[in-house]
Amino acid sequence: MNKVNNATDLIHVQVNGEAKTCLSGTPLPDFLEQISLNPKLIAVEYNGEILTRSLWPATQLSEGDRLEIVTIVGGG
């Protein structure tokens, strides 16, 4: 029997001080796509620590997580 997601599966996270929701256990790269960010052009601080890109796939979001995301902007 397949588990059906419902509202209790939603968690709240902070992204640059703004409240966002996603499903519990969402991998960080999937969440970044959901909020329309290009992973190649950002740096992520996860709960106060700079998160090495190699750890992103193994990082699953939990209730109350805090993300600070900086976008790299090109130009002169």
PDB file of N, CA and C in Angstrom:
ATOM      1  N   MET A   1       0.837  -1.183   0.000  1.00  0.00           N
ATOM      2  CA  MET A   1       0.000   0.000   0.000  1.00  0.00           C
ATOM      3  C   MET A   1       0.882   1.246   0.000  1.00  0.00           C
ATOM      4  N   ASN A   2       0.606   2.177  -0.907  1.00  0.00           N
ATOM      5  CA  ASN A   2       1.380   3.413  -1.011  1.00  0.00           C
ATOM      6  C   ASN A   2       0.911   4.431   0.003  1.00  0.00           C
ATOM      7  N   LYS A   3       1.868   5.131   0.571  1.00  0.00           N
ATOM      8  CA  LYS A   3       1.533   6.198   1.512  1.00  0.00           C
ATOM      9  C   LYS A   3       1.077   7.419   0.725  1.00  0.00           C
ATOM     10  N   VAL A   4       0.012   8.028   1.150  1.00  0.00           N
ATOM     11  CA  VAL A   4      -0.494   9.233   0.502  1.00  0.00           C
ATOM     12  C   VAL A   4      -0.026  10.433   1.308  1.00  0.00           C
ATOM     13  N   ASN A   5       0.616  11.389   0.619  1.00  0.00           N
ATOM     14  CA  ASN A   5       1.053  12.608   1.303  1.00  0.00           C
ATOM     15  C   ASN A   5      -0.161  13.448   1.647  1.00  0.00           C
ATOM     16  N   ASN A   6      -0.115  14.070   2.818  1.00  0.00           N
ATOM     17  CA  ASN A   6      -1.184  14.986   3.201  1.00  0.00           C
ATOM     18  C   ASN A   6      -0.570  16.184   3.892  1.00  0.00           C
ATOM     19  N   ALA A   7      -1.395  17.064   4.398  1.00  0.00           N
ATOM     20  CA  ALA A   7      -0.916  18.317   4.982  1.00  0.00           C
ATOM     21  C   ALA A   7       0.045  18.088   6.140  1.00  0.00           C
ATOM     22  N   THR A   8      -0.054  16.956   6.837  1.00  0.00           N
ATOM     23  CA  THR A   8       0.845  16.718   7.962  1.00  0.00           C
ATOM     24  C   THR A   8       2.268  16.418   7.505  1.00  0.00           C
ATOM     25  N   ASP A   9       2.450  16.123   6.208  1.00  0.00           N
ATOM     26  CA  ASP A   9       3.782  15.887   5.672  1.00  0.00           C
ATOM     27  C   ASP A   9       4.510  17.191   5.339  1.00  0.00           C
ATOM     28  N   LEU A  10       3.786  18.330   5.361  1.00  0.00           N
ATOM     29  CA  LEU A  10       4.398  19.609   5.038  1.00  0.00           C
ATOM     30  C   LEU A  10       5.186  20.132   6.228  1.00  0.00           C
ATOM     31  N   ILE A  11       6.344  20.705   5.923  1.00  0.00           N
ATOM     32  CA  ILE A  11       7.164  21.323   6.959  1.00  0.00           C
ATOM     33  C   ILE A  11       7.391  22.786   6.589  1.00  0.00           C
ATOM     34  N   HIS A  12       7.820  23.555   7.564  1.00  0.00           N
ATOM     35  CA  HIS A  12       8.113  24.965   7.362  1.00  0.00           C
ATOM     36  C   HIS A  12       9.615  25.180   7.497  1.00  0.00           C
ATOM     37  N   VAL A  13      10.184  25.866   6.519  1.00  0.00           N
ATOM     38  CA  VAL A  13      11.601  26.223   6.544  1.00  0.00           C
ATOM     39  C   VAL A  13      11.707  27.726   6.274  1.00  0.00           C
ATOM     40  N   GLN A  14      12.829  28.298   6.683  1.00  0.00           N
ATOM     41  CA  GLN A  14      13.092  29.714   6.429  1.00  0.00           C
ATOM     42  C   GLN A  14      14.131  29.819   5.318  1.00  0.00           C
ATOM     43  N   VAL A  15      13.834  30.621   4.306  1.00  0.00           N
ATOM     44  CA  VAL A  15      14.772  30.859   3.209  1.00  0.00           C
ATOM     45  C   VAL A  15      15.013  32.360   3.141  1.00  0.00           C
ATOM     46  N   ASN A  16      16.222  32.774   3.509  1.00  0.00           N
ATOM     47  CA  ASN A  16      16.561  34.197   3.556  1.00  0.00           C
ATOM     48  C   ASN A  16      15.521  34.975   4.364  1.00  0.00           C
ATOM     49  N   GLY A  17      15.085  34.374   5.478  1.00  0.00           N
ATOM     50  CA  GLY A  17      14.137  35.017   6.376  1.00  0.00           C
ATOM     51  C   GLY A  17      12.680  34.900   5.970  1.00  0.00           C
ATOM     52  N   GLU A  18      12.407  34.258   4.851  1.00  0.00           N
ATOM     53  CA  GLU A  18      11.041  34.110   4.360  1.00  0.00           C
ATOM     54  C   GLU A  18      10.547  32.685   4.595  1.00  0.00           C
ATOM     55  N   ALA A  19       9.330  32.560   5.092  1.00  0.00           N
ATOM     56  CA  ALA A  19       8.758  31.239   5.352  1.00  0.00           C
ATOM     57  C   ALA A  19       8.411  30.541   4.040  1.00  0.00           C
ATOM     58  N   LYS A  20       8.804  29.278   3.935  1.00  0.00           N
ATOM     59  CA  LYS A  20       8.473  28.429   2.786  1.00  0.00           C
ATOM     60  C   LYS A  20       7.992  27.093   3.333  1.00  0.00           C
ATOM     61  N   THR A  21       7.277  26.334   2.516  1.00  0.00           N
ATOM     62  CA  THR A  21       6.869  24.985   2.899  1.00  0.00           C
ATOM     63  C   THR A  21       7.332  24.002   1.838  1.00  0.00           C
ATOM     64  N   CYS A  22       7.536  22.766   2.279  1.00  0.00           N
ATOM     65  CA  CYS A  22       7.856  21.671   1.371  1.00  0.00           C
ATOM     66  C   CYS A  22       7.511  20.370   2.092  1.00  0.00           C
ATOM     67  N   LEU A  23       7.633  19.285   1.409  1.00  0.00           N
ATOM     68  CA  LEU A  23       7.395  17.987   2.035  1.00  0.00           C
ATOM     69  C   LEU A  23       8.563  17.617   2.932  1.00  0.00           C
ATOM     70  N   SER A  24       8.275  17.005   4.039  1.00  0.00           N
ATOM     71  CA  SER A  24       9.309  16.542   4.960  1.00  0.00           C
ATOM     72  C   SER A  24      10.261  15.601   4.232  1.00  0.00           C
ATOM     73  N   GLY A  25      11.558  15.794   4.441  1.00  0.00           N
ATOM     74  CA  GLY A  25      12.552  14.924   3.829  1.00  0.00           C
ATOM     75  C   GLY A  25      12.925  15.284   2.406  1.00  0.00           C
ATOM     76  N   THR A  26      12.445  16.430   1.905  1.00  0.00           N
ATOM     77  CA  THR A  26      12.796  16.850   0.554  1.00  0.00           C
ATOM     78  C   THR A  26      14.303  17.064   0.465  1.00  0.00           C
ATOM     79  N   PRO A  27      14.981  16.447  -0.509  1.00  0.00           N
ATOM     80  CA  PRO A  27      16.415  16.695  -0.681  1.00  0.00           C
ATOM     81  C   PRO A  27      16.650  18.157  -1.084  1.00  0.00           C
ATOM     82  N   LEU A  28      17.726  18.731  -0.589  1.00  0.00           N
ATOM     83  CA  LEU A  28      18.017  20.133  -0.860  1.00  0.00           C
ATOM     84  C   LEU A  28      17.989  20.475  -2.351  1.00  0.00           C
ATOM     85  N   PRO A  29      18.631  19.696  -3.246  1.00  0.00           N
ATOM     86  CA  PRO A  29      18.587  20.066  -4.667  1.00  0.00           C
ATOM     87  C   PRO A  29      17.155  20.133  -5.224  1.00  0.00           C
ATOM     88  N   ASP A  30      16.291  19.238  -4.780  1.00  0.00           N
ATOM     89  CA  ASP A  30      14.900  19.247  -5.238  1.00  0.00           C
ATOM     90  C   ASP A  30      14.193  20.515  -4.749  1.00  0.00           C
ATOM     91  N   PHE A  31      14.440  20.892  -3.501  1.00  0.00           N
ATOM     92  CA  PHE A  31      13.827  22.095  -2.951  1.00  0.00           C
ATOM     93  C   PHE A  31      14.290  23.337  -3.715  1.00  0.00           C
ATOM     94  N   LEU A  32      15.576  23.397  -4.025  1.00  0.00           N
ATOM     95  CA  LEU A  32      16.095  24.547  -4.765  1.00  0.00           C
ATOM     96  C   LEU A  32      15.418  24.670  -6.126  1.00  0.00           C
ATOM     97  N   GLU A  33      15.190  23.535  -6.785  1.00  0.00           N
ATOM     98  CA  GLU A  33      14.451  23.545  -8.052  1.00  0.00           C
ATOM     99  C   GLU A  33      13.029  24.023  -7.844  1.00  0.00           C
ATOM    100  N   GLN A  34      12.391  23.569  -6.762  1.00  0.00           N
ATOM    101  CA  GLN A  34      11.004  23.951  -6.482  1.00  0.00           C
ATOM    102  C   GLN A  34      10.856  25.465  -6.307  1.00  0.00           C
ATOM    103  N   ILE A  35      11.890  26.105  -5.781  1.00  0.00           N
ATOM    104  CA  ILE A  35      11.802  27.555  -5.597  1.00  0.00           C
ATOM    105  C   ILE A  35      12.522  28.302  -6.730  1.00  0.00           C
ATOM    106  N   SER A  36      12.717  27.600  -7.846  1.00  0.00           N
ATOM    107  CA  SER A  36      13.220  28.183  -9.103  1.00  0.00           C
ATOM    108  C   SER A  36      14.623  28.775  -9.014  1.00  0.00           C
ATOM    109  N   LEU A  37      15.518  28.088  -8.308  1.00  0.00           N
ATOM    110  CA  LEU A  37      16.907  28.531  -8.248  1.00  0.00           C
ATOM    111  C   LEU A  37      17.789  27.576  -9.038  1.00  0.00           C
ATOM    112  N   ASN A  38      18.768  28.128  -9.718  1.00  0.00           N
ATOM    113  CA  ASN A  38      19.729  27.326 -10.470  1.00  0.00           C
ATOM    114  C   ASN A  38      20.847  26.924  -9.511  1.00  0.00           C
ATOM    115  N   PRO A  39      20.960  25.648  -9.160  1.00  0.00           N
ATOM    116  CA  PRO A  39      21.969  25.208  -8.196  1.00  0.00           C
ATOM    117  C   PRO A  39      23.404  25.569  -8.582  1.00  0.00           C
ATOM    118  N   LYS A  40      23.667  25.771  -9.859  1.00  0.00           N
ATOM    119  CA  LYS A  40      25.020  26.094 -10.299  1.00  0.00           C
ATOM    120  C   LYS A  40      25.411  27.533  -9.972  1.00  0.00           C
ATOM    121  N   LEU A  41      24.423  28.359  -9.641  1.00  0.00           N
ATOM    122  CA  LEU A  41      24.690  29.780  -9.447  1.00  0.00           C
ATOM    123  C   LEU A  41      24.445  30.264  -8.023  1.00  0.00           C
ATOM    124  N   ILE A  42      24.450  29.342  -7.058  1.00  0.00           N
ATOM    125  CA  ILE A  42      24.163  29.748  -5.680  1.00  0.00           C
ATOM    126  C   ILE A  42      25.119  29.111  -4.685  1.00  0.00           C
ATOM    127  N   ALA A  43      25.178  29.718  -3.526  1.00  0.00           N
ATOM    128  CA  ALA A  43      25.858  29.143  -2.356  1.00  0.00           C
ATOM    129  C   ALA A  43      24.797  29.042  -1.267  1.00  0.00           C
ATOM    130  N   VAL A  44      24.889  27.999  -0.436  1.00  0.00           N
ATOM    131  CA  VAL A  44      23.865  27.745   0.574  1.00  0.00           C
ATOM    132  C   VAL A  44      24.480  27.645   1.962  1.00  0.00           C
ATOM    133  N   GLU A  45      23.890  28.398   2.888  1.00  0.00           N
ATOM    134  CA  GLU A  45      24.185  28.239   4.309  1.00  0.00           C
ATOM    135  C   GLU A  45      22.994  27.504   4.907  1.00  0.00           C
ATOM    136  N   TYR A  46      23.271  26.397   5.580  1.00  0.00           N
ATOM    137  CA  TYR A  46      22.225  25.515   6.117  1.00  0.00           C
ATOM    138  C   TYR A  46      22.345  25.492   7.631  1.00  0.00           C
ATOM    139  N   ASN A  47      21.361  26.061   8.307  1.00  0.00           N
ATOM    140  CA  ASN A  47      21.353  26.131   9.770  1.00  0.00           C
ATOM    141  C   ASN A  47      22.657  26.705  10.325  1.00  0.00           C
ATOM    142  N   GLY A  48      23.123  27.791   9.686  1.00  0.00           N
ATOM    143  CA  GLY A  48      24.288  28.505  10.187  1.00  0.00           C
ATOM    144  C   GLY A  48      25.634  28.031   9.689  1.00  0.00           C
ATOM    145  N   GLU A  49      25.659  27.004   8.840  1.00  0.00           N
ATOM    146  CA  GLU A  49      26.925  26.466   8.331  1.00  0.00           C
ATOM    147  C   GLU A  49      26.909  26.485   6.807  1.00  0.00           C
ATOM    148  N   ILE A  50      28.032  26.928   6.213  1.00  0.00           N
ATOM    149  CA  ILE A  50      28.144  26.854   4.749  1.00  0.00           C
ATOM    150  C   ILE A  50      28.129  25.377   4.374  1.00  0.00           C
ATOM    151  N   LEU A  51      27.252  25.021   3.451  1.00  0.00           N
ATOM    152  CA  LEU A  51      27.083  23.624   3.079  1.00  0.00           C
ATOM    153  C   LEU A  51      27.830  23.336   1.786  1.00  0.00           C
ATOM    154  N   THR A  52      28.827  22.472   1.859  1.00  0.00           N
ATOM    155  CA  THR A  52      29.589  22.069   0.679  1.00  0.00           C
ATOM    156  C   THR A  52      28.646  21.424  -0.337  1.00  0.00           C
ATOM    157  N   ARG A  53      28.807  21.819  -1.575  1.00  0.00           N
ATOM    158  CA  ARG A  53      27.926  21.327  -2.651  1.00  0.00           C
ATOM    159  C   ARG A  53      27.846  19.800  -2.695  1.00  0.00           C
ATOM    160  N   SER A  54      28.921  19.110  -2.358  1.00  0.00           N
ATOM    161  CA  SER A  54      28.912  17.644  -2.400  1.00  0.00           C
ATOM    162  C   SER A  54      27.941  17.051  -1.368  1.00  0.00           C
ATOM    163  N   LEU A  55      27.582  17.828  -0.348  1.00  0.00           N
ATOM    164  CA  LEU A  55      26.649  17.347   0.679  1.00  0.00           C
ATOM    165  C   LEU A  55      25.187  17.644   0.357  1.00  0.00           C
ATOM    166  N   TRP A  56      24.931  18.440  -0.656  1.00  0.00           N
ATOM    167  CA  TRP A  56      23.561  18.818  -0.973  1.00  0.00           C
ATOM    168  C   TRP A  56      22.640  17.622  -1.198  1.00  0.00           C
ATOM    169  N   PRO A  57      23.021  16.625  -2.022  1.00  0.00           N
ATOM    170  CA  PRO A  57      22.095  15.518  -2.284  1.00  0.00           C
ATOM    171  C   PRO A  57      21.699  14.737  -1.029  1.00  0.00           C
ATOM    172  N   ALA A  58      22.591  14.660  -0.045  1.00  0.00           N
ATOM    173  CA  ALA A  58      22.308  13.899   1.175  1.00  0.00           C
ATOM    174  C   ALA A  58      21.588  14.740   2.228  1.00  0.00           C
ATOM    175  N   THR A  59      21.399  16.039   1.961  1.00  0.00           N
ATOM    176  CA  THR A  59      20.760  16.929   2.927  1.00  0.00           C
ATOM    177  C   THR A  59      19.256  16.945   2.686  1.00  0.00           C
ATOM    178  N   GLN A  60      18.509  16.423   3.655  1.00  0.00           N
ATOM    179  CA  GLN A  60      17.055  16.403   3.568  1.00  0.00           C
ATOM    180  C   GLN A  60      16.497  17.433   4.540  1.00  0.00           C
ATOM    181  N   LEU A  61      15.548  18.231   4.053  1.00  0.00           N
ATOM    182  CA  LEU A  61      15.012  19.314   4.867  1.00  0.00           C
ATOM    183  C   LEU A  61      14.084  18.793   5.955  1.00  0.00           C
ATOM    184  N   SER A  62      14.172  19.461   7.110  1.00  0.00           N
ATOM    185  CA  SER A  62      13.358  19.122   8.281  1.00  0.00           C
ATOM    186  C   SER A  62      12.676  20.381   8.797  1.00  0.00           C
ATOM    187  N   GLU A  63      11.648  20.194   9.579  1.00  0.00           N
ATOM    188  CA  GLU A  63      10.905  21.306  10.181  1.00  0.00           C
ATOM    189  C   GLU A  63      11.853  22.282  10.870  1.00  0.00           C
ATOM    190  N   GLY A  64      11.705  23.567  10.542  1.00  0.00           N
ATOM    191  CA  GLY A  64      12.478  24.608  11.204  1.00  0.00           C
ATOM    192  C   GLY A  64      13.859  24.875  10.635  1.00  0.00           C
ATOM    193  N   ASP A  65      14.269  24.150   9.592  1.00  0.00           N
ATOM    194  CA  ASP A  65      15.578  24.412   8.999  1.00  0.00           C
ATOM    195  C   ASP A  65      15.632  25.852   8.498  1.00  0.00           C
ATOM    196  N   ARG A  66      16.844  26.421   8.537  1.00  0.00           N
ATOM    197  CA  ARG A  66      17.074  27.786   8.067  1.00  0.00           C
ATOM    198  C   ARG A  66      18.103  27.764   6.947  1.00  0.00           C
ATOM    199  N   LEU A  67      17.728  28.319   5.816  1.00  0.00           N
ATOM    200  CA  LEU A  67      18.623  28.413   4.670  1.00  0.00           C
ATOM    201  C   LEU A  67      18.881  29.882   4.359  1.00  0.00           C
ATOM    202  N   GLU A  68      20.135  30.207   4.145  1.00  0.00           N
ATOM    203  CA  GLU A  68      20.508  31.513   3.592  1.00  0.00           C
ATOM    204  C   GLU A  68      21.135  31.193   2.252  1.00  0.00           C
ATOM    205  N   ILE A  69      20.566  31.771   1.207  1.00  0.00           N
ATOM    206  CA  ILE A  69      20.993  31.459  -0.147  1.00  0.00           C
ATOM    207  C   ILE A  69      21.501  32.727  -0.805  1.00  0.00           C
ATOM    208  N   VAL A  70      22.707  32.657  -1.360  1.00  0.00           N
ATOM    209  CA  VAL A  70      23.306  33.771  -2.067  1.00  0.00           C
ATOM    210  C   VAL A  70      23.416  33.385  -3.532  1.00  0.00           C
ATOM    211  N   THR A  71      22.914  34.268  -4.402  1.00  0.00           N
ATOM    212  CA  THR A  71      22.984  34.038  -5.839  1.00  0.00           C
ATOM    213  C   THR A  71      24.204  34.740  -6.404  1.00  0.00           C
ATOM    214  N   ILE A  72      24.937  34.045  -7.240  1.00  0.00           N
ATOM    215  CA  ILE A  72      26.093  34.616  -7.906  1.00  0.00           C
ATOM    216  C   ILE A  72      25.601  35.385  -9.129  1.00  0.00           C
ATOM    217  N   VAL A  73      25.995  36.655  -9.208  1.00  0.00           N
ATOM    218  CA  VAL A  73      25.569  37.495 -10.314  1.00  0.00           C
ATOM    219  C   VAL A  73      26.793  37.894 -11.127  1.00  0.00           C
ATOM    220  N   GLY A  74      26.736  37.649 -12.423  1.00  0.00           N
ATOM    221  CA  GLY A  74      27.846  38.018 -13.287  1.00  0.00           C
ATOM    222  C   GLY A  74      27.695  39.452 -13.776  1.00  0.00           C
ATOM    223  N   GLY A  75      28.717  39.955 -14.354  1.00  0.00           N
ATOM    224  CA  GLY A  75      28.655  41.308 -14.906  1.00  0.00           C
ATOM    225  C   GLY A  75      29.774  42.156 -14.365  1.00  0.00           C
ATOM    226  N   GLY A  76      29.774  43.403 -14.766  1.00  0.00           N
ATOM    227  CA  GLY A  76      30.865  44.254 -14.346  1.00  0.00           C
ATOM    228  C   GLY A  76      30.458  45.575 -13.923  1.00  0.00           C
TER     229      GLY A  76
END
